[in-house]
């Protein structure tokens, strides 16, 4: 079974992904994030058809402690956050954790 990409965030954030062909998404308007973002993230994390979840880095601040921990430790699906300057270095670690090898490691031969 092939897995899909899911996007969670404000309609402004998800629209570009939807136009690019991402079919699974959870729109959570900015004014509803405190109440609705946890449920939206849990929905995609428990969906067996989702292999990658894309979120905006700023949205992590709106998550409860438990859901945020689920996001940070999730191996399948892999959660990728975009938009964070210093935090974007975590992508390498997330990929390494998901597939078990460091694709960017340089051979010392």
Protein backbone atom coordinates (compact mmCIF):
# COMPACT_ATOMS: atom_id res chain seq x y z
CA UNK A 1 0.00 0.00 0.00
CA UNK A 2 1.46 3.36 -0.96
CA UNK A 3 1.27 6.14 1.57
CA UNK A 4 0.44 9.77 0.99
CA UNK A 5 1.56 13.15 2.22
CA UNK A 6 -0.80 14.99 4.56
CA UNK A 7 -0.62 18.70 5.34
CA UNK A 8 -1.91 20.31 8.55
CA UNK A 9 -2.24 24.04 9.07
CA UNK A 10 -4.00 27.22 8.11
CA UNK A 11 -5.80 27.33 4.75
CA UNK A 12 -3.08 29.70 3.49
CA UNK A 13 -0.43 27.07 4.31
CA UNK A 14 -2.28 24.05 2.91
CA UNK A 15 -3.49 25.62 -0.34
CA UNK A 16 -0.12 25.44 -2.12
CA UNK A 17 0.24 21.76 -1.24
CA UNK A 18 -3.29 21.04 -2.40
CA UNK A 19 -2.60 22.77 -5.73
CA UNK A 20 0.50 20.56 -6.06
CA UNK A 21 -1.66 17.45 -5.71
CA UNK A 22 -1.65 16.65 -1.98
CA UNK A 23 -5.08 15.18 -1.31
CA UNK A 24 -4.98 14.71 2.47
CA UNK A 25 -5.10 17.88 4.50
CA UNK A 26 -6.49 19.36 7.68
CA UNK A 27 -7.35 23.06 7.48
CA UNK A 28 -7.18 24.78 10.86
CA UNK A 29 -7.74 28.55 10.68
CA UNK A 30 -5.36 30.61 12.82
CA UNK A 31 -8.13 31.69 15.20
CA UNK A 32 -9.06 28.03 15.90
CA UNK A 33 -5.57 26.57 16.39
CA UNK A 34 -5.65 26.54 20.19
CA UNK A 35 -8.84 24.42 20.16
CA UNK A 36 -8.63 22.38 16.96
CA UNK A 37 -4.97 21.79 16.04
CA UNK A 38 -4.44 18.84 18.43
CA UNK A 39 -7.36 16.92 16.91
CA UNK A 40 -6.26 17.68 13.35
CA UNK A 41 -2.72 16.45 14.02
CA UNK A 42 -3.95 13.32 15.81
CA UNK A 43 -6.21 12.55 12.82
CA UNK A 44 -3.31 12.44 10.38
CA UNK A 45 -0.90 10.71 12.78
CA UNK A 46 -3.33 7.82 13.19
CA UNK A 47 -4.22 7.58 9.48
CA UNK A 48 -2.46 4.48 8.13
CA UNK A 49 -2.56 5.93 4.63
CA UNK A 50 -0.28 8.82 5.63
CA UNK A 51 3.51 8.42 5.41
CA UNK A 52 4.60 12.06 5.75
CA UNK A 53 2.93 14.90 7.65
CA UNK A 54 3.88 18.47 6.76
CA UNK A 55 3.27 21.31 9.23
CA UNK A 56 4.46 24.86 9.72
CA UNK A 57 7.11 25.13 12.44
CA UNK A 58 5.17 27.89 14.24
CA UNK A 59 2.17 25.58 14.67
CA UNK A 60 4.11 23.33 17.06
CA UNK A 61 3.68 26.04 19.71
CA UNK A 62 -0.11 25.58 19.57
CA UNK A 63 0.01 21.85 20.31
CA UNK A 64 -0.56 20.36 23.74
CA UNK A 65 2.47 18.77 25.40
CA UNK A 66 1.31 15.20 24.63
CA UNK A 67 0.54 15.80 20.95
CA UNK A 68 3.76 17.77 20.51
CA UNK A 69 5.71 14.84 21.96
CA UNK A 70 3.90 12.48 19.55
CA UNK A 71 4.89 14.74 16.65
CA UNK A 72 8.52 14.97 17.73
CA UNK A 73 8.94 11.22 18.25
CA UNK A 74 6.81 9.92 15.36
CA UNK A 75 8.71 7.60 13.03
CA UNK A 76 5.76 6.63 10.85
CA UNK A 77 4.44 8.91 9.68
CA UNK A 78 7.46 11.19 9.57
CA UNK A 79 6.52 14.73 10.57
CA UNK A 80 8.32 17.50 8.67
CA UNK A 81 8.01 21.10 9.78
CA UNK A 82 8.69 23.98 7.42
CA UNK A 83 9.42 27.63 8.01
CA UNK A 84 11.69 27.44 11.03
CA UNK A 85 15.11 28.96 10.38
CA UNK A 86 17.26 27.28 13.04
CA UNK A 87 14.88 24.35 13.58
CA UNK A 88 15.02 23.15 9.99
CA UNK A 89 18.22 21.21 10.69
CA UNK A 90 16.05 18.61 12.39
CA UNK A 91 14.94 17.29 8.99
CA UNK A 92 18.16 15.31 8.61
CA UNK A 93 17.60 13.64 11.99
CA UNK A 94 13.97 12.86 11.19
CA UNK A 95 14.90 11.21 7.89
CA UNK A 96 17.68 9.27 9.60
CA UNK A 97 15.26 8.05 12.29
CA UNK A 98 12.63 7.10 9.69
CA UNK A 99 14.84 5.06 7.37
CA UNK A 100 17.66 4.09 9.70
CA UNK A 101 20.60 5.59 7.81
CA UNK A 102 22.09 9.04 7.36
CA UNK A 103 21.76 9.84 3.66
CA UNK A 104 23.96 12.92 3.99
CA UNK A 105 26.86 11.22 5.74
CA UNK A 106 30.10 11.59 3.84
CA UNK A 107 32.28 8.54 3.22
CA UNK A 108 35.76 8.83 4.70
CA UNK A 109 37.56 6.68 2.11
